[in-house]
Amino acid sequence: MFGLKKRATTDEPIAHKLIFNAIPEVLDKSFYGYGIVCEDDGDSIMLYATNESFKTIFCAIYIGPSGFLFGKEVFIVHNPFYRKVGIYYDDNFQAVIDFYGKKCISRKNQCTGSNYWGNDVILPWTNDFYACIDKR
């Protein structure tokens, strides 16, 4: 079953630093019942919302052209209580995935749904959507 195996009791976000060193590059992180994959395939960089084993894609978010994240401080920020994951670089959250609500949002790039979450996963950008993972 999709979702956390055990509901988190704190709403404190957890940051995981990503370091892009090569092309192609695949960086993944699993949580409790779901995961994310950030992939630079030599053409573009994509962020995927997946199941915990990274085999099922729920939504995909275009991040930028290949090599775009080299030299940048990039963080995946996860809030287990709200089941939201965001990618943070250039001093802002750029995309957020809501695993509980089955939605994704990008500050300026395209999001794509899937057969699992449907094609109505995309929301317009609002700062409120990522407030629970932004505890700067």
Protein backbone atom coordinates (compact mmCIF):
# COMPACT_ATOMS: atom_id res chain seq x y z
CA MET A 1 0.00 0.00 0.00
CA PHE A 2 1.28 3.44 -0.88
CA GLY A 3 2.22 5.85 1.88
CA LEU A 4 4.09 5.82 5.12
CA LYS A 5 4.28 2.54 6.95
CA LYS A 6 4.11 4.49 10.17
CA ARG A 7 2.82 8.04 10.38
CA ALA A 8 5.53 10.46 11.50
CA THR A 9 4.89 12.30 14.73
CA THR A 10 6.98 15.41 14.02
CA ASP A 11 6.63 17.94 11.24
CA GLU A 12 10.32 18.82 11.13
CA PRO A 13 11.75 18.58 7.61
CA ILE A 14 14.89 16.58 6.84
CA ALA A 15 17.38 17.80 4.19
CA HIS A 16 19.51 15.47 2.05
CA LYS A 17 22.30 17.05 -0.01
CA LEU A 18 22.66 15.93 -3.63
CA ILE A 19 26.00 16.20 -5.41
CA PHE A 20 26.06 15.91 -9.18
CA ASN A 21 29.49 14.74 -10.39
CA ALA A 22 28.98 13.03 -13.73
CA ILE A 23 26.68 12.57 -16.70
CA PRO A 24 24.72 10.36 -16.75
CA GLU A 25 23.94 10.51 -13.03
CA VAL A 26 21.07 8.98 -11.07
CA LEU A 27 20.58 9.97 -7.44
CA ASP A 28 17.77 8.36 -5.49
CA LYS A 29 16.39 8.48 -1.97
CA SER A 30 13.75 6.21 -0.49
CA PHE A 31 11.51 7.14 2.40
CA TYR A 32 8.75 5.10 4.03
CA GLY A 33 6.67 3.74 1.18
CA TYR A 34 7.85 6.13 -1.52
CA GLY A 35 10.97 7.57 -3.08
CA ILE A 36 12.39 10.16 -5.42
CA VAL A 37 14.86 9.88 -8.26
CA CYS A 38 16.80 12.81 -9.68
CA GLU A 39 18.30 11.85 -13.03
CA ASP A 40 20.63 13.66 -15.42
CA ASP A 41 20.58 11.48 -18.55
CA GLY A 42 22.82 13.67 -20.72
CA ASP A 43 19.89 15.57 -22.27
CA SER A 44 17.90 16.81 -19.29
CA ILE A 45 17.49 16.58 -15.53
CA MET A 46 14.24 15.09 -14.26
CA LEU A 47 12.84 14.60 -10.77
CA TYR A 48 10.59 11.57 -10.41
CA ALA A 49 8.17 10.68 -7.62
CA THR A 50 8.32 6.90 -7.28
CA ASN A 51 7.47 4.00 -5.06
CA GLU A 52 10.04 2.94 -2.46
CA SER A 53 11.84 0.59 -4.88
CA PHE A 54 12.00 3.32 -7.61
CA LYS A 55 10.23 1.04 -10.12
CA THR A 56 6.89 2.85 -10.39
CA ILE A 57 6.80 6.50 -11.46
CA PHE A 58 3.93 8.61 -10.10
CA CYS A 59 4.90 11.96 -11.61
CA ALA A 60 7.85 13.56 -13.38
CA ILE A 61 9.14 17.12 -13.16
CA TYR A 62 11.56 18.66 -15.64
CA ILE A 63 14.34 20.44 -13.70
CA GLY A 64 16.59 21.76 -16.47
CA PRO A 65 19.12 20.88 -19.17
CA SER A 66 21.87 18.34 -18.57
CA GLY A 67 24.65 19.65 -16.33
CA PHE A 68 22.42 22.45 -15.01
CA LEU A 69 22.93 21.41 -11.37
CA PHE A 70 26.74 21.01 -11.49
CA GLY A 71 28.35 23.17 -8.83
CA LYS A 72 25.04 24.12 -7.22
CA GLU A 73 24.04 23.36 -3.65
CA VAL A 74 21.08 21.03 -4.19
CA PHE A 75 18.96 19.55 -1.42
CA ILE A 76 16.07 17.14 -1.33
CA VAL A 77 13.95 18.22 1.64
CA HIS A 78 11.51 15.71 3.05
CA ASN A 79 8.76 16.23 5.59
CA PRO A 80 7.62 12.78 6.74
CA PHE A 81 4.58 14.10 8.61
CA TYR A 82 3.10 15.88 5.57
CA ARG A 83 4.59 13.37 3.09
CA LYS A 84 6.03 16.13 0.95
CA VAL A 85 9.40 16.21 -0.78
CA GLY A 86 10.94 19.29 -2.40
CA ILE A 87 14.04 20.03 -4.43
CA TYR A 88 15.86 23.14 -3.25
CA TYR A 89 18.53 25.07 -5.15
CA ASP A 90 19.26 28.70 -6.11
CA ASP A 91 18.00 29.76 -2.65
CA ASN A 92 14.44 28.52 -3.27
CA PHE A 93 12.29 25.46 -3.54
CA GLN A 94 11.96 24.72 -7.25
CA ALA A 95 9.57 21.76 -7.17
CA VAL A 96 7.52 19.93 -4.55
CA ILE A 97 5.84 16.52 -4.58
CA ASP A 98 2.91 15.81 -2.26
CA PHE A 99 2.79 12.03 -1.90
CA TYR A 100 -0.28 12.10 0.34
CA GLY A 101 -2.33 14.35 -1.96
CA LYS A 102 -0.85 12.83 -5.15
CA LYS A 103 0.11 16.24 -6.56
CA CYS A 104 3.25 17.90 -7.87
CA ILE A 105 4.18 21.50 -8.42
CA SER A 106 7.08 23.27 -10.12
CA ARG A 107 8.11 26.90 -9.82
CA LYS A 108 8.75 27.28 -13.56
CA ASN A 109 8.97 23.91 -15.30
CA GLN A 110 6.63 21.25 -16.62
CA CYS A 111 5.18 18.41 -14.52
CA THR A 112 3.76 15.22 -15.98
CA GLY A 113 1.37 12.74 -14.38
CA SER A 114 1.17 8.98 -14.80
CA ASN A 115 -1.26 6.09 -15.03
CA TYR A 116 -0.93 5.70 -11.24
CA TRP A 117 -1.70 9.28 -10.16
CA GLY A 118 -3.48 10.42 -13.31
CA ASN A 119 -2.80 13.52 -15.36
CA ASP A 120 -4.46 15.98 -12.99
CA VAL A 121 -1.50 15.97 -10.59
CA ILE A 122 -0.26 19.42 -11.53
CA LEU A 123 -0.96 22.44 -9.36
CA PRO A 124 -0.13 26.09 -9.98
CA TRP A 125 2.84 27.38 -7.95
CA THR A 126 2.00 28.80 -4.53
CA ASN A 127 4.34 29.39 -1.62
CA ASP A 128 1.81 27.79 0.74
CA PHE A 129 2.29 24.41 -0.94
CA TYR A 130 5.86 24.06 0.33
CA ALA A 131 5.56 25.93 3.65
CA CYS A 132 5.65 22.71 5.69
CA ILE A 133 9.10 21.79 4.32
CA ASP A 134 10.55 25.29 4.38
CA LYS A 135 11.81 25.79 7.95
CA ARG A 136 14.74 28.10 7.16
